[in-house]
């Protein structure tokens, strides 16, 4: 499945949808972003069960700011609406494959329990 371009208008709906969404925050002028782009695109063709999306940080500066993007490229992985991975830097193909495999292998019951515990702790603070 080809990558999709995300904007502030459709970002939240996309990353909170059921399943796995990988988001690449990038910019046209960024050399490492250009190196990572074909790796990301190739993975999107291999993993058709995963949504691959890109956010142009120049066109979507407010969205990049809201996502606390301080370095590009930054890869974020969401599963069932939960941010489960975020890391700046261009990943080589084997490392991206490891991230995808790890996200697919997550025990979401455990993840949801951790999210609930964090929310409760923040509510008590």
C-alpha atoms as a PDB file:
ATOM      1  CA  UNK A   1       0.000   0.000   0.000  1.00  0.00           C
ATOM      2  CA  UNK A   2       1.468   3.389  -0.908  1.00  0.00           C
ATOM      3  CA  UNK A   3       2.255   5.938   1.761  1.00  0.00           C
ATOM      4  CA  UNK A   4      -0.293   8.640   2.476  1.00  0.00           C
ATOM      5  CA  UNK A   5       0.339  12.300   3.217  1.00  0.00           C
ATOM      6  CA  UNK A   6      -1.076  13.477   6.529  1.00  0.00           C
ATOM      7  CA  UNK A   7      -2.155  16.972   7.456  1.00  0.00           C
ATOM      8  CA  UNK A   8      -3.374  18.436  10.728  1.00  0.00           C
ATOM      9  CA  UNK A   9      -6.928  17.796   9.474  1.00  0.00           C
ATOM     10  CA  UNK A  10      -6.550  14.015   9.213  1.00  0.00           C
ATOM     11  CA  UNK A  11      -3.639  13.186  11.538  1.00  0.00           C
ATOM     12  CA  UNK A  12      -5.619  12.323  14.677  1.00  0.00           C
ATOM     13  CA  UNK A  13      -8.242  10.284  12.841  1.00  0.00           C
ATOM     14  CA  UNK A  14      -5.517   8.286  11.092  1.00  0.00           C
ATOM     15  CA  UNK A  15      -3.315   7.524  14.116  1.00  0.00           C
ATOM     16  CA  UNK A  16      -6.266   6.663  16.393  1.00  0.00           C
ATOM     17  CA  UNK A  17      -7.724   4.172  13.931  1.00  0.00           C
ATOM     18  CA  UNK A  18      -7.511   0.462  14.770  1.00  0.00           C
ATOM     19  CA  UNK A  19      -4.325  -1.219  13.611  1.00  0.00           C
ATOM     20  CA  UNK A  20      -0.770   0.003  13.094  1.00  0.00           C
ATOM     21  CA  UNK A  21       0.180   3.378  11.638  1.00  0.00           C
ATOM     22  CA  UNK A  22       3.777   4.438  11.033  1.00  0.00           C
ATOM     23  CA  UNK A  23       4.341   8.171  10.557  1.00  0.00           C
ATOM     24  CA  UNK A  24       7.488   9.641   9.018  1.00  0.00           C
ATOM     25  CA  UNK A  25       8.005  13.328   9.848  1.00  0.00           C
ATOM     26  CA  UNK A  26      10.240  14.757   7.115  1.00  0.00           C
ATOM     27  CA  UNK A  27      11.142  17.823   5.047  1.00  0.00           C
ATOM     28  CA  UNK A  28      12.211  18.258   1.425  1.00  0.00           C
ATOM     29  CA  UNK A  29      15.528  19.940   2.370  1.00  0.00           C
ATOM     30  CA  UNK A  30      16.545  17.156   4.795  1.00  0.00           C
ATOM     31  CA  UNK A  31      19.250  14.822   3.456  1.00  0.00           C
ATOM     32  CA  UNK A  32      18.652  11.990   5.963  1.00  0.00           C
ATOM     33  CA  UNK A  33      14.914  12.260   5.208  1.00  0.00           C
ATOM     34  CA  UNK A  34      15.637  11.662   1.529  1.00  0.00           C
ATOM     35  CA  UNK A  35      17.814   8.665   2.435  1.00  0.00           C
ATOM     36  CA  UNK A  36      15.049   7.190   4.602  1.00  0.00           C
ATOM     37  CA  UNK A  37      12.217   7.774   2.095  1.00  0.00           C
ATOM     38  CA  UNK A  38      12.906   4.736  -0.157  1.00  0.00           C
ATOM     39  CA  UNK A  39      13.355   2.492   2.915  1.00  0.00           C
ATOM     40  CA  UNK A  40       9.977   3.655   4.260  1.00  0.00           C
ATOM     41  CA  UNK A  41       8.321   3.276   0.838  1.00  0.00           C
ATOM     42  CA  UNK A  42       9.733  -0.237   0.381  1.00  0.00           C
ATOM     43  CA  UNK A  43       8.433  -1.302   3.807  1.00  0.00           C
ATOM     44  CA  UNK A  44       4.992   0.048   2.873  1.00  0.00           C
ATOM     45  CA  UNK A  45       4.946  -2.307  -0.111  1.00  0.00           C
ATOM     46  CA  UNK A  46       5.970  -5.278   2.050  1.00  0.00           C
ATOM     47  CA  UNK A  47       3.662  -4.632   5.017  1.00  0.00           C
ATOM     48  CA  UNK A  48       0.294  -4.027   3.376  1.00  0.00           C
ATOM     49  CA  UNK A  49      -1.448  -4.540   6.739  1.00  0.00           C
ATOM     50  CA  UNK A  50       0.226  -1.387   8.137  1.00  0.00           C
ATOM     51  CA  UNK A  51      -0.677   2.224   7.305  1.00  0.00           C
ATOM     52  CA  UNK A  52       2.400   4.219   6.261  1.00  0.00           C
ATOM     53  CA  UNK A  53       2.025   7.984   6.418  1.00  0.00           C
ATOM     54  CA  UNK A  54       4.258  11.014   5.966  1.00  0.00           C
ATOM     55  CA  UNK A  55       4.043  14.494   7.469  1.00  0.00           C
ATOM     56  CA  UNK A  56       5.874  17.289   5.671  1.00  0.00           C
ATOM     57  CA  UNK A  57       7.124  19.345   8.625  1.00  0.00           C
ATOM     58  CA  UNK A  58       7.497  22.456   6.448  1.00  0.00           C
ATOM     59  CA  UNK A  59       3.884  22.370   5.263  1.00  0.00           C
ATOM     60  CA  UNK A  60       2.561  21.183   8.639  1.00  0.00           C
ATOM     61  CA  UNK A  61       4.621  23.209  11.124  1.00  0.00           C
ATOM     62  CA  UNK A  62       1.839  23.397  13.728  1.00  0.00           C
ATOM     63  CA  UNK A  63       1.318  19.629  13.573  1.00  0.00           C
ATOM     64  CA  UNK A  64       5.065  18.987  13.883  1.00  0.00           C
ATOM     65  CA  UNK A  65       5.159  21.327  16.882  1.00  0.00           C
ATOM     66  CA  UNK A  66       2.176  19.623  18.513  1.00  0.00           C
ATOM     67  CA  UNK A  67       3.919  16.265  18.017  1.00  0.00           C
ATOM     68  CA  UNK A  68       7.078  17.669  19.664  1.00  0.00           C
ATOM     69  CA  UNK A  69       9.193  17.021  16.581  1.00  0.00           C
ATOM     70  CA  UNK A  70      12.621  18.542  17.230  1.00  0.00           C
ATOM     71  CA  UNK A  71      14.674  16.516  14.748  1.00  0.00           C
ATOM     72  CA  UNK A  72      13.880  15.001  11.378  1.00  0.00           C
ATOM     73  CA  UNK A  73      13.353  12.472  10.171  1.00  0.00           C
ATOM     74  CA  UNK A  74      11.359  11.215  13.136  1.00  0.00           C
ATOM     75  CA  UNK A  75       9.469   7.944  12.967  1.00  0.00           C
ATOM     76  CA  UNK A  76       6.422   7.387  15.151  1.00  0.00           C
ATOM     77  CA  UNK A  77       4.495   4.145  15.451  1.00  0.00           C
ATOM     78  CA  UNK A  78       0.914   4.009  16.687  1.00  0.00           C
ATOM     79  CA  UNK A  79      -1.031   0.865  17.435  1.00  0.00           C
ATOM     80  CA  UNK A  80      -4.748   1.072  18.108  1.00  0.00           C
ATOM     81  CA  UNK A  81      -4.410   4.762  18.877  1.00  0.00           C
ATOM     82  CA  UNK A  82      -1.471   4.452  21.284  1.00  0.00           C
ATOM     83  CA  UNK A  83       1.951   5.936  20.509  1.00  0.00           C
ATOM     84  CA  UNK A  84       4.219   2.928  21.057  1.00  0.00           C
ATOM     85  CA  UNK A  85       7.452   4.115  19.389  1.00  0.00           C
ATOM     86  CA  UNK A  86       9.068   7.443  18.563  1.00  0.00           C
ATOM     87  CA  UNK A  87      12.641   7.963  17.443  1.00  0.00           C
ATOM     88  CA  UNK A  88      14.480  10.585  15.421  1.00  0.00           C
ATOM     89  CA  UNK A  89      16.967   9.546  12.764  1.00  0.00           C
ATOM     90  CA  UNK A  90      16.959   7.696   9.474  1.00  0.00           C
ATOM     91  CA  UNK A  91      16.650   3.979  10.137  1.00  0.00           C
ATOM     92  CA  UNK A  92      18.274   1.407   7.863  1.00  0.00           C
ATOM     93  CA  UNK A  93      15.887  -1.186   6.416  1.00  0.00           C
ATOM     94  CA  UNK A  94      16.726  -3.936   8.966  1.00  0.00           C
ATOM     95  CA  UNK A  95      16.085  -1.560  11.884  1.00  0.00           C
ATOM     96  CA  UNK A  96      12.746  -0.443  10.412  1.00  0.00           C
ATOM     97  CA  UNK A  97      11.836  -4.097   9.980  1.00  0.00           C
ATOM     98  CA  UNK A  98      12.647  -4.707  13.668  1.00  0.00           C
ATOM     99  CA  UNK A  99      10.389  -1.812  14.698  1.00  0.00           C
ATOM    100  CA  UNK A 100       7.509  -3.117  12.590  1.00  0.00           C
ATOM    101  CA  UNK A 101       7.942  -6.659  13.931  1.00  0.00           C
ATOM    102  CA  UNK A 102       8.068  -5.388  17.520  1.00  0.00           C
ATOM    103  CA  UNK A 103       4.948  -3.235  17.096  1.00  0.00           C
ATOM    104  CA  UNK A 104       3.063  -6.143  15.505  1.00  0.00           C
ATOM    105  CA  UNK A 105       4.134  -8.371  18.407  1.00  0.00           C
ATOM    106  CA  UNK A 106       2.983  -6.056  21.200  1.00  0.00           C
ATOM    107  CA  UNK A 107       0.625  -7.413  23.821  1.00  0.00           C
ATOM    108  CA  UNK A 108      -1.956  -4.652  23.585  1.00  0.00           C
ATOM    109  CA  UNK A 109      -3.727  -5.746  26.783  1.00  0.00           C
ATOM    110  CA  UNK A 110      -0.476  -5.045  28.621  1.00  0.00           C
ATOM    111  CA  UNK A 111      -0.016  -1.732  26.778  1.00  0.00           C
ATOM    112  CA  UNK A 112      -3.565  -0.631  27.658  1.00  0.00           C
ATOM    113  CA  UNK A 113      -2.944  -1.561  31.304  1.00  0.00           C
ATOM    114  CA  UNK A 114       0.164   0.640  31.292  1.00  0.00           C
ATOM    115  CA  UNK A 115      -1.753   3.511  29.691  1.00  0.00           C
ATOM    116  CA  UNK A 116      -4.489   3.235  32.323  1.00  0.00           C
ATOM    117  CA  UNK A 117      -1.901   3.159  35.130  1.00  0.00           C
ATOM    118  CA  UNK A 118      -0.193   6.286  33.723  1.00  0.00           C
ATOM    119  CA  UNK A 119      -3.512   8.085  33.416  1.00  0.00           C
ATOM    120  CA  UNK A 120      -4.417   7.194  36.985  1.00  0.00           C
ATOM    121  CA  UNK A 121      -1.009   8.340  38.261  1.00  0.00           C
ATOM    122  CA  UNK A 122      -1.360  11.651  36.416  1.00  0.00           C
ATOM    123  CA  UNK A 123      -4.852  12.095  37.802  1.00  0.00           C
ATOM    124  CA  UNK A 124      -3.523  11.684  41.347  1.00  0.00           C
ATOM    125  CA  UNK A 125      -0.612  14.088  40.848  1.00  0.00           C
END
